[in-house]
């Protein structure tokens, strides 16, 4: 079965950014989650937190706006919103651990149908463990949203009945955004919320390592003329 063309990393981030409710306080993890900050709707007031000590983080910096002392958790130059604050790590982690974040957007190597998250170490011989603040975010945020590729480079599923990599947190993931679909972690397991255009139920099942549940016809994710993803 030929693999459909999925969303790019930027389009996955853009789709997720549009789903964040107005007034939310959100942490963006390293990797693909960092891109979300560049696509937040201008008509929403969303406060971004970075674990290295920023509350009120703005989009990525470029040109003359680059300050190498002002970086996000991915060590990329960023800007600040008016009224932003800079804190040291103990205060930043207190925000994370104290339940003050509405959402944490994290990357993942694997997610289980129970919402277990594995995102800090694989079983590769040359893997470098890099947990950072992921465990604190996974258990401290009110909801955890994951961005990831649906399958590995070898085509193996990354959404599984049970994670095979060391866990970051158990039962913490709320929703998963992949290049192929948006999937909720529900009491019955993986529940499909939306699928990208060109992906059908049979293919999505074949690309997923756990049962998928379709309570109703899932929404479709289509691209407009400018390549922006939206639900229909």
N, C-alpha and C. Protein backbone atom coordinates (compact mmCIF):
# COMPACT_ATOMS: atom_id res chain seq x y z
N UNK A 1 0.85 -1.19 0.00
CA UNK A 1 0.00 0.00 0.00
C UNK A 1 0.89 1.25 0.00
N UNK A 2 0.67 2.13 -0.97
CA UNK A 2 1.49 3.33 -1.08
C UNK A 2 1.17 4.30 0.04
N UNK A 3 2.24 4.87 0.60
CA UNK A 3 2.04 5.79 1.71
C UNK A 3 1.54 7.13 1.21
N UNK A 4 0.43 7.65 1.75
CA UNK A 4 -0.04 8.97 1.34
C UNK A 4 0.94 10.06 1.76
N UNK A 5 0.86 11.19 1.07
CA UNK A 5 1.66 12.34 1.46
C UNK A 5 1.07 12.97 2.71
N UNK A 6 1.86 13.04 3.75
CA UNK A 6 1.36 13.59 5.01
C UNK A 6 1.71 15.06 5.16
N UNK A 7 1.41 15.60 6.31
CA UNK A 7 1.72 16.99 6.62
C UNK A 7 3.21 17.15 6.88
N UNK A 8 3.73 18.32 6.59
CA UNK A 8 5.10 18.64 6.96
C UNK A 8 5.15 18.94 8.46
N UNK A 9 6.35 19.02 9.00
CA UNK A 9 6.50 19.37 10.41
C UNK A 9 5.89 20.74 10.71
N UNK A 10 6.08 21.67 9.79
CA UNK A 10 5.53 23.01 9.97
C UNK A 10 4.00 22.98 9.95
N UNK A 11 3.42 22.17 9.09
CA UNK A 11 1.96 22.08 9.02
C UNK A 11 1.37 21.40 10.24
N UNK A 12 2.06 20.41 10.78
CA UNK A 12 1.60 19.78 12.02
C UNK A 12 1.58 20.82 13.14
N UNK A 13 2.67 21.61 13.24
CA UNK A 13 2.74 22.65 14.27
C UNK A 13 1.65 23.69 14.07
N UNK A 14 1.39 24.04 12.84
CA UNK A 14 0.38 25.06 12.53
C UNK A 14 -1.01 24.57 12.90
N UNK A 15 -1.30 23.30 12.62
CA UNK A 15 -2.61 22.74 12.97
C UNK A 15 -2.81 22.75 14.48
N UNK A 16 -1.78 22.32 15.21
CA UNK A 16 -1.87 22.31 16.67
C UNK A 16 -2.04 23.72 17.22
N UNK A 17 -1.29 24.67 16.67
CA UNK A 17 -1.37 26.05 17.16
C UNK A 17 -2.78 26.59 17.07
N UNK A 18 -3.49 26.22 16.02
CA UNK A 18 -4.85 26.69 15.85
C UNK A 18 -5.83 26.09 16.83
N UNK A 19 -5.46 24.97 17.45
CA UNK A 19 -6.35 24.28 18.40
C UNK A 19 -6.18 24.77 19.83
N UNK A 20 -5.15 25.54 20.12
CA UNK A 20 -4.92 25.99 21.50
C UNK A 20 -5.92 27.09 21.85
N UNK A 21 -6.65 26.94 22.93
CA UNK A 21 -7.68 27.93 23.28
C UNK A 21 -7.09 29.28 23.69
N UNK A 22 -7.85 30.31 23.45
CA UNK A 22 -7.47 31.66 23.86
C UNK A 22 -7.26 31.70 25.37
N UNK A 23 -6.23 32.42 25.81
CA UNK A 23 -5.97 32.58 27.23
C UNK A 23 -5.14 31.49 27.86
N UNK A 24 -4.64 30.55 27.06
CA UNK A 24 -3.88 29.42 27.60
C UNK A 24 -2.44 29.79 27.92
N UNK A 25 -1.88 29.09 28.91
CA UNK A 25 -0.46 29.17 29.23
C UNK A 25 0.16 27.86 28.76
N UNK A 26 1.16 27.95 27.87
CA UNK A 26 1.63 26.77 27.13
C UNK A 26 3.15 26.68 27.17
N UNK A 27 3.67 25.50 27.45
CA UNK A 27 5.09 25.22 27.32
C UNK A 27 5.34 24.52 26.00
N UNK A 28 6.38 24.94 25.29
CA UNK A 28 6.77 24.30 24.04
C UNK A 28 8.08 23.55 24.26
N UNK A 29 8.06 22.24 24.01
CA UNK A 29 9.26 21.43 24.16
C UNK A 29 10.20 21.60 22.98
N UNK A 30 11.29 20.84 22.99
CA UNK A 30 12.30 20.96 21.94
C UNK A 30 11.85 20.22 20.69
N UNK A 31 12.46 20.57 19.56
CA UNK A 31 12.13 19.92 18.31
C UNK A 31 10.89 20.51 17.66
N UNK A 32 10.04 19.64 17.09
CA UNK A 32 8.85 20.09 16.39
C UNK A 32 7.95 21.01 17.24
N UNK A 33 7.77 20.76 18.55
CA UNK A 33 6.92 21.65 19.34
C UNK A 33 7.35 23.11 19.30
N UNK A 34 8.65 23.36 19.15
CA UNK A 34 9.14 24.73 19.11
C UNK A 34 8.50 25.52 17.97
N UNK A 35 8.19 24.85 16.86
CA UNK A 35 7.62 25.51 15.70
C UNK A 35 6.24 26.10 15.98
N UNK A 36 5.54 25.56 16.98
CA UNK A 36 4.18 26.02 17.28
C UNK A 36 4.15 27.51 17.56
N UNK A 37 5.21 28.03 18.20
CA UNK A 37 5.26 29.44 18.56
C UNK A 37 5.21 30.37 17.36
N UNK A 38 5.57 29.88 16.18
CA UNK A 38 5.57 30.72 14.98
C UNK A 38 4.20 30.78 14.31
N UNK A 39 3.22 29.99 14.79
CA UNK A 39 1.94 29.90 14.11
C UNK A 39 0.74 30.22 15.00
N UNK A 40 0.98 30.78 16.16
CA UNK A 40 -0.14 31.09 17.05
C UNK A 40 -1.02 32.17 16.42
N UNK A 41 -2.35 31.98 16.41
CA UNK A 41 -3.25 32.97 15.79
C UNK A 41 -3.14 34.33 16.47
N UNK A 42 -3.14 35.37 15.65
CA UNK A 42 -2.98 36.72 16.19
C UNK A 42 -4.18 37.18 17.00
N UNK A 43 -5.34 36.54 16.81
CA UNK A 43 -6.54 36.95 17.55
C UNK A 43 -6.68 36.22 18.88
N UNK A 44 -5.66 35.44 19.27
CA UNK A 44 -5.69 34.75 20.55
C UNK A 44 -4.55 35.25 21.44
N UNK A 45 -4.82 35.34 22.73
CA UNK A 45 -3.80 35.74 23.69
C UNK A 45 -3.29 34.48 24.38
N UNK A 46 -2.17 33.98 23.90
CA UNK A 46 -1.59 32.73 24.42
C UNK A 46 -0.21 33.04 24.98
N UNK A 47 0.02 32.67 26.23
CA UNK A 47 1.27 32.97 26.92
C UNK A 47 2.18 31.76 26.86
N UNK A 48 3.35 31.94 26.26
CA UNK A 48 4.30 30.83 26.08
C UNK A 48 5.34 30.80 27.20
N UNK A 49 5.60 29.60 27.67
CA UNK A 49 6.60 29.35 28.73
C UNK A 49 7.70 28.48 28.15
N UNK A 50 8.93 28.77 28.52
CA UNK A 50 10.06 27.93 28.15
C UNK A 50 10.76 27.49 29.43
N UNK A 51 11.10 26.22 29.52
CA UNK A 51 11.61 25.67 30.78
C UNK A 51 12.92 26.30 31.24
N UNK A 52 13.66 26.91 30.30
CA UNK A 52 14.92 27.53 30.71
C UNK A 52 14.72 28.91 31.33
N UNK A 53 13.45 29.31 31.54
CA UNK A 53 13.21 30.50 32.34
C UNK A 53 12.57 31.68 31.66
N UNK A 54 11.67 31.44 30.69
CA UNK A 54 10.96 32.53 30.02
C UNK A 54 9.46 32.34 30.19
N UNK A 55 8.78 33.38 30.58
CA UNK A 55 7.32 33.42 30.58
C UNK A 55 6.92 34.63 29.76
N UNK A 56 6.26 34.37 28.62
CA UNK A 56 5.95 35.44 27.69
C UNK A 56 6.87 35.42 26.48
N UNK A 57 7.26 34.21 26.07
CA UNK A 57 8.14 34.04 24.92
C UNK A 57 7.40 34.39 23.63
N UNK A 58 8.11 35.07 22.72
CA UNK A 58 7.55 35.40 21.42
C UNK A 58 8.05 34.45 20.34
N UNK A 59 7.81 34.79 19.08
CA UNK A 59 8.27 33.94 17.97
C UNK A 59 9.79 33.88 17.89
N UNK A 60 10.28 33.02 17.01
CA UNK A 60 11.72 32.90 16.79
C UNK A 60 12.28 34.24 16.31
N UNK A 61 13.50 34.54 16.73
CA UNK A 61 14.15 35.79 16.35
C UNK A 61 14.93 35.60 15.05
N UNK A 62 15.04 36.68 14.29
CA UNK A 62 15.83 36.64 13.07
C UNK A 62 16.45 38.01 12.85
N UNK A 63 17.48 38.06 12.04
CA UNK A 63 18.11 39.32 11.69
C UNK A 63 18.62 40.08 12.91
N UNK A 64 18.28 41.36 12.96
CA UNK A 64 18.75 42.21 14.05
C UNK A 64 18.09 41.90 15.39
N UNK A 65 17.02 41.10 15.37
CA UNK A 65 16.34 40.74 16.61
C UNK A 65 17.05 39.63 17.37
N UNK A 66 18.05 39.00 16.77
CA UNK A 66 18.74 37.88 17.40
C UNK A 66 19.60 38.37 18.56
N UNK A 67 19.35 37.78 19.73
CA UNK A 67 20.18 38.00 20.91
C UNK A 67 20.60 36.62 21.39
N UNK A 68 21.88 36.30 21.28
CA UNK A 68 22.34 34.94 21.59
C UNK A 68 22.19 34.59 23.07
N UNK A 69 21.92 35.58 23.91
CA UNK A 69 21.65 35.30 25.33
C UNK A 69 20.18 34.99 25.59
N UNK A 70 19.34 35.17 24.57
CA UNK A 70 17.91 34.97 24.72
C UNK A 70 17.49 33.80 23.83
N UNK A 71 17.40 32.61 24.42
CA UNK A 71 17.13 31.40 23.66
C UNK A 71 16.02 30.60 24.31
N UNK A 72 15.43 29.68 23.53
CA UNK A 72 14.41 28.78 24.07
C UNK A 72 15.07 27.46 24.50
N UNK A 73 14.25 26.48 24.86
CA UNK A 73 14.78 25.20 25.33
C UNK A 73 15.53 24.43 24.24
N UNK A 74 15.28 24.80 22.98
CA UNK A 74 16.01 24.19 21.87
C UNK A 74 17.28 24.96 21.52
N UNK A 75 17.62 25.96 22.35
CA UNK A 75 18.79 26.80 22.15
C UNK A 75 18.71 27.63 20.87
N UNK A 76 17.49 27.99 20.49
CA UNK A 76 17.26 28.84 19.33
C UNK A 76 16.93 30.26 19.79
N UNK A 77 17.44 31.27 19.11
CA UNK A 77 17.12 32.65 19.50
C UNK A 77 15.63 32.93 19.38
N UNK A 78 15.07 33.58 20.38
CA UNK A 78 13.64 33.92 20.38
C UNK A 78 13.46 35.38 20.75
N UNK A 79 12.24 35.85 20.60
CA UNK A 79 11.88 37.20 21.01
C UNK A 79 11.05 37.12 22.28
N UNK A 80 10.77 38.29 22.86
CA UNK A 80 9.93 38.38 24.04
C UNK A 80 8.69 39.21 23.74
N UNK A 81 7.57 38.82 24.32
CA UNK A 81 6.38 39.66 24.25
C UNK A 81 6.49 40.79 25.26
N UNK A 82 5.76 41.85 25.03
CA UNK A 82 5.72 42.93 26.01
C UNK A 82 5.20 42.40 27.34
N UNK A 83 5.92 42.70 28.42
CA UNK A 83 5.52 42.22 29.74
C UNK A 83 6.10 40.88 30.11
N UNK A 84 6.94 40.30 29.25
CA UNK A 84 7.55 38.99 29.54
C UNK A 84 8.46 39.08 30.76
N UNK A 85 8.67 37.93 31.38
CA UNK A 85 9.56 37.87 32.54
C UNK A 85 10.61 36.79 32.33
N UNK A 86 11.78 37.00 32.91
CA UNK A 86 12.87 36.03 32.89
C UNK A 86 13.09 35.54 34.31
N UNK A 87 13.15 34.22 34.48
CA UNK A 87 13.34 33.65 35.80
C UNK A 87 14.51 32.67 35.79
N UNK A 88 15.00 32.31 36.97
CA UNK A 88 15.98 31.23 37.02
C UNK A 88 15.24 29.89 37.09
N UNK A 89 15.99 28.80 36.99
CA UNK A 89 15.38 27.50 36.76
C UNK A 89 14.44 27.04 37.88
N UNK A 90 14.75 27.36 39.11
CA UNK A 90 13.89 26.85 40.19
C UNK A 90 12.49 27.43 40.09
N UNK A 91 12.38 28.71 39.73
CA UNK A 91 11.06 29.31 39.56
C UNK A 91 10.35 28.74 38.34
N UNK A 92 11.10 28.58 37.25
CA UNK A 92 10.53 28.03 36.03
C UNK A 92 10.00 26.61 36.26
N UNK A 93 10.79 25.79 36.96
CA UNK A 93 10.35 24.41 37.22
C UNK A 93 9.22 24.36 38.24
N UNK A 94 9.15 25.35 39.12
CA UNK A 94 8.00 25.41 40.03
C UNK A 94 6.72 25.66 39.25
N UNK A 95 6.79 26.48 38.21
CA UNK A 95 5.63 26.68 37.34
C UNK A 95 5.22 25.37 36.68
N UNK A 96 6.21 24.61 36.23
CA UNK A 96 5.94 23.36 35.54
C UNK A 96 5.37 22.30 36.48
N UNK A 97 5.95 22.18 37.64
CA UNK A 97 5.55 21.12 38.57
C UNK A 97 4.29 21.46 39.36
N UNK A 98 3.98 22.75 39.43
CA UNK A 98 2.87 23.18 40.29
C UNK A 98 1.51 23.21 39.63
N UNK A 99 1.39 22.71 38.42
CA UNK A 99 0.09 22.67 37.75
C UNK A 99 -0.34 24.01 37.18
N UNK A 100 0.63 24.89 36.89
CA UNK A 100 0.31 26.23 36.40
C UNK A 100 0.24 26.32 34.88
N UNK A 101 0.64 25.26 34.19
CA UNK A 101 0.62 25.26 32.73
C UNK A 101 -0.64 24.56 32.23
N UNK A 102 -1.36 25.20 31.32
CA UNK A 102 -2.55 24.57 30.75
C UNK A 102 -2.16 23.43 29.81
N UNK A 103 -1.12 23.67 29.01
CA UNK A 103 -0.69 22.67 28.03
C UNK A 103 0.84 22.59 28.00
N UNK A 104 1.33 21.37 27.79
CA UNK A 104 2.72 21.16 27.41
C UNK A 104 2.70 20.48 26.05
N UNK A 105 3.43 21.06 25.10
CA UNK A 105 3.53 20.46 23.77
C UNK A 105 4.89 19.79 23.68
N UNK A 106 4.89 18.47 23.54
CA UNK A 106 6.13 17.70 23.59
C UNK A 106 6.28 16.82 22.36
N UNK A 107 7.52 16.52 22.00
CA UNK A 107 7.79 15.52 20.99
C UNK A 107 7.79 14.14 21.63
N UNK A 108 7.82 13.10 20.80
CA UNK A 108 7.80 11.74 21.34
C UNK A 108 8.46 10.76 20.39
N UNK A 109 9.13 9.77 20.98
CA UNK A 109 9.59 8.62 20.21
C UNK A 109 8.46 7.60 20.09
N UNK A 110 7.70 7.44 21.17
CA UNK A 110 6.57 6.50 21.20
C UNK A 110 5.49 7.04 22.14
N UNK A 111 4.23 6.67 21.83
CA UNK A 111 3.11 6.91 22.73
C UNK A 111 2.27 5.64 22.75
N UNK A 112 1.85 5.21 23.93
CA UNK A 112 1.02 4.01 24.04
C UNK A 112 -0.46 4.39 24.04
N UNK A 113 -1.30 3.39 23.78
CA UNK A 113 -2.75 3.63 23.75
C UNK A 113 -3.30 4.05 25.10
N UNK A 114 -2.53 3.89 26.17
CA UNK A 114 -2.94 4.35 27.50
C UNK A 114 -2.46 5.78 27.78
N UNK A 115 -1.76 6.36 26.81
CA UNK A 115 -1.24 7.71 26.99
C UNK A 115 0.12 7.76 27.63
N UNK A 116 0.82 6.62 27.70
CA UNK A 116 2.20 6.62 28.21
C UNK A 116 3.09 7.32 27.18
N UNK A 117 4.05 8.08 27.67
CA UNK A 117 4.93 8.87 26.83
C UNK A 117 6.37 8.41 26.97
N UNK A 118 7.03 8.17 25.84
CA UNK A 118 8.47 7.86 25.83
C UNK A 118 9.14 8.86 24.91
N UNK A 119 9.94 9.76 25.47
CA UNK A 119 10.54 10.78 24.60
C UNK A 119 11.95 11.21 25.03
N UNK A 120 12.61 10.39 25.88
CA UNK A 120 13.94 10.84 26.32
C UNK A 120 15.07 9.87 25.98
N UNK A 121 14.75 8.65 25.59
CA UNK A 121 15.80 7.67 25.29
C UNK A 121 15.25 6.56 24.42
N UNK A 122 16.02 6.17 23.41
CA UNK A 122 15.67 5.00 22.61
C UNK A 122 16.61 3.86 22.99
N UNK A 123 16.46 2.73 22.31
CA UNK A 123 17.34 1.61 22.61
C UNK A 123 18.53 1.54 21.66
N UNK A 124 18.73 2.60 20.85
CA UNK A 124 19.87 2.62 19.94
C UNK A 124 21.17 2.68 20.71
N UNK A 125 22.18 1.96 20.22
CA UNK A 125 23.45 1.87 20.94
C UNK A 125 24.12 3.23 21.09
N UNK A 126 23.92 4.11 20.11
CA UNK A 126 24.57 5.42 20.16
C UNK A 126 23.64 6.52 20.68
N UNK A 127 22.49 6.13 21.25
CA UNK A 127 21.52 7.12 21.74
C UNK A 127 22.07 7.87 22.95
N UNK A 128 21.82 9.17 22.97
CA UNK A 128 22.25 10.01 24.08
C UNK A 128 21.01 10.40 24.89
N UNK A 129 20.85 9.90 26.11
CA UNK A 129 19.67 10.25 26.90
C UNK A 129 19.58 11.76 27.11
N UNK A 130 18.38 12.31 26.96
CA UNK A 130 18.21 13.76 27.08
C UNK A 130 16.83 14.06 27.65
N UNK A 131 16.67 13.83 28.94
CA UNK A 131 15.34 14.01 29.52
C UNK A 131 15.01 15.47 29.77
N UNK A 132 15.98 16.31 30.13
CA UNK A 132 15.68 17.71 30.39
C UNK A 132 14.57 17.86 31.40
N UNK A 133 13.58 18.70 31.07
CA UNK A 133 12.44 18.89 31.96
C UNK A 133 11.20 18.14 31.52
N UNK A 134 11.37 17.16 30.62
CA UNK A 134 10.20 16.48 30.04
C UNK A 134 9.35 15.78 31.09
N UNK A 135 9.99 15.14 32.08
CA UNK A 135 9.22 14.43 33.10
C UNK A 135 8.41 15.40 33.94
N UNK A 136 9.00 16.55 34.26
CA UNK A 136 8.29 17.56 35.04
C UNK A 136 7.10 18.10 34.25
N UNK A 137 7.28 18.34 32.96
CA UNK A 137 6.20 18.83 32.12
C UNK A 137 5.10 17.79 31.94
N UNK A 138 5.51 16.54 31.76
CA UNK A 138 4.54 15.48 31.51
C UNK A 138 3.56 15.30 32.66
N UNK A 139 4.05 15.44 33.88
CA UNK A 139 3.17 15.24 35.03
C UNK A 139 2.62 16.55 35.59
N UNK A 140 3.24 17.69 35.22
CA UNK A 140 2.83 18.96 35.80
C UNK A 140 1.79 19.72 35.01
N UNK A 141 1.82 19.59 33.68
CA UNK A 141 0.87 20.32 32.84
C UNK A 141 -0.51 19.68 32.93
N UNK A 142 -1.54 20.49 32.78
CA UNK A 142 -2.90 19.97 32.86
C UNK A 142 -3.23 19.05 31.69
N UNK A 143 -2.68 19.38 30.50
CA UNK A 143 -2.84 18.52 29.34
C UNK A 143 -1.52 18.46 28.58
N UNK A 144 -1.21 17.29 28.03
CA UNK A 144 0.00 17.09 27.24
C UNK A 144 -0.41 16.79 25.81
N UNK A 145 0.05 17.64 24.89
CA UNK A 145 -0.17 17.44 23.46
C UNK A 145 1.15 17.02 22.84
N UNK A 146 1.12 16.01 22.00
CA UNK A 146 2.34 15.46 21.40
C UNK A 146 2.34 15.73 19.90
N UNK A 147 3.50 16.16 19.38
CA UNK A 147 3.72 16.24 17.94
C UNK A 147 4.78 15.22 17.57
N UNK A 148 4.54 14.46 16.50
CA UNK A 148 5.48 13.42 16.12
C UNK A 148 5.16 12.90 14.72
N UNK A 149 6.12 12.23 14.11
CA UNK A 149 5.84 11.48 12.89
C UNK A 149 5.07 10.22 13.28
N UNK A 150 4.12 9.83 12.44
CA UNK A 150 3.29 8.67 12.78
C UNK A 150 4.11 7.38 12.81
N UNK A 151 5.11 7.31 11.92
CA UNK A 151 5.95 6.11 11.83
C UNK A 151 7.42 6.51 11.83
N UNK A 152 8.28 5.56 12.17
CA UNK A 152 9.71 5.78 12.11
C UNK A 152 10.21 5.77 10.67
N UNK A 153 11.49 6.03 10.49
CA UNK A 153 12.08 6.07 9.15
C UNK A 153 11.99 4.71 8.46
N UNK A 154 11.95 3.66 9.26
CA UNK A 154 11.83 2.32 8.67
C UNK A 154 10.38 1.89 8.48
N UNK A 155 9.45 2.80 8.75
CA UNK A 155 8.03 2.50 8.58
C UNK A 155 7.37 1.87 9.79
N UNK A 156 8.13 1.63 10.86
CA UNK A 156 7.55 1.00 12.05
C UNK A 156 6.67 1.99 12.81
N UNK A 157 5.55 1.51 13.38
CA UNK A 157 4.64 2.39 14.10
C UNK A 157 5.28 2.99 15.35
N UNK A 158 4.90 4.21 15.66
CA UNK A 158 5.36 4.88 16.88
C UNK A 158 4.21 5.05 17.88
N UNK A 159 2.99 4.75 17.43
CA UNK A 159 1.83 4.68 18.31
C UNK A 159 1.56 3.21 18.57
N UNK A 160 1.68 2.80 19.83
CA UNK A 160 1.76 1.38 20.15
C UNK A 160 0.79 0.99 21.27
N UNK A 161 0.58 -0.32 21.39
CA UNK A 161 -0.18 -0.81 22.53
C UNK A 161 0.59 -0.60 23.82
N UNK A 162 1.90 -0.74 23.74
CA UNK A 162 2.76 -0.54 24.90
C UNK A 162 4.10 -0.01 24.42
N UNK A 163 4.62 1.01 25.08
CA UNK A 163 5.92 1.57 24.70
C UNK A 163 7.03 0.57 24.99
N UNK A 164 8.02 0.54 24.12
CA UNK A 164 9.18 -0.33 24.35
C UNK A 164 10.39 0.47 24.83
N UNK A 165 10.33 1.79 24.74
CA UNK A 165 11.40 2.64 25.24
C UNK A 165 11.10 3.07 26.68
N UNK A 166 12.10 3.52 27.41
CA UNK A 166 11.87 3.99 28.78
C UNK A 166 10.85 5.12 28.82
N UNK A 167 9.97 5.07 29.81
CA UNK A 167 8.88 6.03 29.87
C UNK A 167 9.30 7.36 30.48
N UNK A 168 8.71 8.41 29.96
CA UNK A 168 8.82 9.75 30.54
C UNK A 168 7.71 9.96 31.55
N UNK A 169 6.52 9.47 31.23
CA UNK A 169 5.37 9.59 32.12
C UNK A 169 4.31 8.57 31.73
N UNK A 170 3.55 8.10 32.69
CA UNK A 170 2.51 7.10 32.45
C UNK A 170 1.14 7.77 32.40
N UNK A 171 0.39 7.49 31.33
CA UNK A 171 -0.96 7.99 31.20
C UNK A 171 -1.08 9.50 31.17
N UNK A 172 -0.12 10.17 30.54
CA UNK A 172 -0.09 11.64 30.60
C UNK A 172 -0.56 12.32 29.31
N UNK A 173 -0.53 11.61 28.18
CA UNK A 173 -0.82 12.24 26.89
C UNK A 173 -2.32 12.38 26.67
N UNK A 174 -2.72 13.56 26.21
CA UNK A 174 -4.12 13.86 25.92
C UNK A 174 -4.44 13.69 24.45
N UNK A 175 -3.61 14.28 23.60
CA UNK A 175 -3.87 14.25 22.15
C UNK A 175 -2.53 14.19 21.42
N UNK A 176 -2.54 13.53 20.24
CA UNK A 176 -1.34 13.34 19.42
C UNK A 176 -1.58 13.91 18.03
N UNK A 177 -0.66 14.75 17.59
CA UNK A 177 -0.70 15.32 16.24
C UNK A 177 0.42 14.70 15.44
N UNK A 178 0.09 13.97 14.37
CA UNK A 178 1.11 13.38 13.51
C UNK A 178 0.95 13.91 12.10
N UNK A 179 1.84 13.47 11.21
CA UNK A 179 1.74 13.87 9.81
C UNK A 179 0.54 13.24 9.11
N UNK A 180 -0.08 12.24 9.75
CA UNK A 180 -1.20 11.54 9.13
C UNK A 180 -2.55 11.79 9.80
N UNK A 181 -2.54 12.15 11.08
CA UNK A 181 -3.81 12.21 11.79
C UNK A 181 -3.68 12.98 13.10
N UNK A 182 -4.82 13.32 13.67
CA UNK A 182 -4.93 13.83 15.03
C UNK A 182 -5.70 12.78 15.83
N UNK A 183 -5.08 12.29 16.90
CA UNK A 183 -5.63 11.15 17.63
C UNK A 183 -5.70 11.48 19.11
N UNK A 184 -6.86 11.26 19.70
CA UNK A 184 -7.05 11.46 21.14
C UNK A 184 -6.77 10.17 21.90
N UNK A 185 -6.26 10.32 23.11
CA UNK A 185 -6.12 9.18 24.01
C UNK A 185 -7.37 9.14 24.87
N UNK A 186 -8.22 8.17 24.61
CA UNK A 186 -9.51 8.04 25.27
C UNK A 186 -9.50 6.82 26.18
N UNK A 187 -10.53 6.64 27.02
CA UNK A 187 -10.57 5.47 27.89
C UNK A 187 -10.46 4.14 27.14
N UNK A 188 -10.98 4.11 25.90
CA UNK A 188 -10.92 2.87 25.11
C UNK A 188 -9.63 2.73 24.33
N UNK A 189 -8.77 3.75 24.33
CA UNK A 189 -7.51 3.70 23.59
C UNK A 189 -7.42 4.86 22.63
N UNK A 190 -6.81 4.63 21.46
CA UNK A 190 -6.62 5.67 20.46
C UNK A 190 -7.94 5.93 19.72
N UNK A 191 -8.42 7.18 19.81
CA UNK A 191 -9.64 7.57 19.12
C UNK A 191 -9.28 8.60 18.07
N UNK A 192 -9.61 8.32 16.82
CA UNK A 192 -9.24 9.18 15.71
C UNK A 192 -10.14 10.42 15.68
N UNK A 193 -9.51 11.59 15.76
CA UNK A 193 -10.24 12.85 15.69
C UNK A 193 -10.28 13.39 14.27
N UNK A 194 -9.17 13.26 13.54
CA UNK A 194 -9.10 13.76 12.17
C UNK A 194 -8.00 13.02 11.42
N UNK A 195 -8.17 12.94 10.09
CA UNK A 195 -7.15 12.33 9.23
C UNK A 195 -6.81 13.30 8.10
N UNK A 196 -5.56 13.27 7.67
CA UNK A 196 -5.16 14.13 6.57
C UNK A 196 -5.79 13.63 5.27
N UNK A 197 -5.96 14.55 4.35
CA UNK A 197 -6.53 14.21 3.05
C UNK A 197 -5.67 13.16 2.37
N UNK A 198 -6.29 12.12 1.85
CA UNK A 198 -5.56 11.04 1.19
C UNK A 198 -5.31 9.85 2.07
N UNK A 199 -5.52 9.98 3.38
CA UNK A 199 -5.36 8.87 4.31
C UNK A 199 -6.73 8.24 4.57
N UNK A 200 -6.83 6.94 4.40
CA UNK A 200 -8.09 6.27 4.71
C UNK A 200 -7.94 5.42 5.96
N UNK A 201 -9.06 4.90 6.42
CA UNK A 201 -9.07 4.15 7.67
C UNK A 201 -8.16 2.93 7.61
N UNK A 202 -8.17 2.23 6.50
CA UNK A 202 -7.36 1.01 6.38
C UNK A 202 -5.87 1.33 6.50
N UNK A 203 -5.43 2.40 5.81
CA UNK A 203 -4.01 2.73 5.87
C UNK A 203 -3.62 3.18 7.27
N UNK A 204 -4.44 4.00 7.90
CA UNK A 204 -4.10 4.49 9.23
C UNK A 204 -4.00 3.33 10.22
N UNK A 205 -4.88 2.36 10.10
CA UNK A 205 -4.78 1.18 10.97
C UNK A 205 -3.48 0.43 10.73
N UNK A 206 -3.09 0.32 9.45
CA UNK A 206 -1.87 -0.43 9.13
C UNK A 206 -0.62 0.29 9.62
N UNK A 207 -0.70 1.61 9.80
CA UNK A 207 0.45 2.40 10.23
C UNK A 207 0.50 2.61 11.74
N UNK A 208 -0.43 2.00 12.44
CA UNK A 208 -0.55 2.19 13.90
C UNK A 208 -0.40 0.85 14.59
N UNK A 209 0.38 0.82 15.66
CA UNK A 209 0.67 -0.43 16.35
C UNK A 209 -0.28 -0.75 17.49
N UNK A 210 -1.50 -0.23 17.43
CA UNK A 210 -2.53 -0.51 18.43
C UNK A 210 -3.88 -0.28 17.76
N UNK A 211 -4.95 -0.82 18.31
CA UNK A 211 -6.27 -0.61 17.71
C UNK A 211 -6.65 0.86 17.66
N UNK A 212 -7.35 1.25 16.59
CA UNK A 212 -7.88 2.60 16.47
C UNK A 212 -9.40 2.54 16.60
N UNK A 213 -9.96 3.56 17.23
CA UNK A 213 -11.41 3.62 17.45
C UNK A 213 -11.98 4.81 16.70
N UNK A 214 -13.04 4.55 15.96
CA UNK A 214 -13.72 5.57 15.18
C UNK A 214 -15.16 5.66 15.70
N UNK A 215 -15.42 6.57 16.63
CA UNK A 215 -16.77 6.71 17.18
C UNK A 215 -17.73 7.30 16.15
N UNK A 216 -17.21 8.15 15.31
CA UNK A 216 -17.99 8.78 14.26
C UNK A 216 -17.04 9.09 13.11
N UNK A 217 -17.59 9.57 12.01
CA UNK A 217 -16.72 9.90 10.88
C UNK A 217 -15.73 10.97 11.30
N UNK A 218 -14.42 10.69 11.23
CA UNK A 218 -13.43 11.69 11.65
C UNK A 218 -13.41 12.87 10.70
N UNK A 219 -12.97 14.00 11.21
CA UNK A 219 -12.83 15.18 10.39
C UNK A 219 -11.66 14.98 9.42
N UNK A 220 -11.65 15.78 8.38
CA UNK A 220 -10.57 15.75 7.40
C UNK A 220 -9.68 16.98 7.58
N UNK A 221 -8.39 16.78 7.35
CA UNK A 221 -7.43 17.87 7.38
C UNK A 221 -7.03 18.15 5.93
N UNK A 222 -7.35 19.35 5.45
CA UNK A 222 -7.03 19.72 4.07
C UNK A 222 -6.14 20.95 4.10
N UNK A 223 -5.48 21.21 2.98
CA UNK A 223 -4.62 22.37 2.84
C UNK A 223 -5.28 23.40 1.93
N UNK A 224 -5.21 24.67 2.35
CA UNK A 224 -5.73 25.71 1.48
C UNK A 224 -4.70 26.05 0.41
N UNK A 225 -4.99 27.04 -0.40
CA UNK A 225 -4.11 27.37 -1.52
C UNK A 225 -2.71 27.76 -1.05
N UNK A 226 -2.59 28.28 0.18
CA UNK A 226 -1.29 28.67 0.70
C UNK A 226 -0.59 27.58 1.48
N UNK A 227 -1.19 26.38 1.55
CA UNK A 227 -0.58 25.27 2.26
C UNK A 227 -0.89 25.23 3.74
N UNK A 228 -1.85 26.05 4.18
CA UNK A 228 -2.23 26.07 5.59
C UNK A 228 -3.25 24.96 5.87
N UNK A 229 -3.00 24.10 6.87
CA UNK A 229 -3.95 23.02 7.17
C UNK A 229 -5.16 23.54 7.93
N UNK A 230 -6.32 22.93 7.64
CA UNK A 230 -7.54 23.25 8.38
C UNK A 230 -8.44 22.04 8.38
N UNK A 231 -9.35 22.03 9.33
CA UNK A 231 -10.32 20.94 9.44
C UNK A 231 -11.54 21.21 8.57
N UNK A 232 -12.09 20.15 8.00
CA UNK A 232 -13.37 20.24 7.29
C UNK A 232 -14.25 19.07 7.74
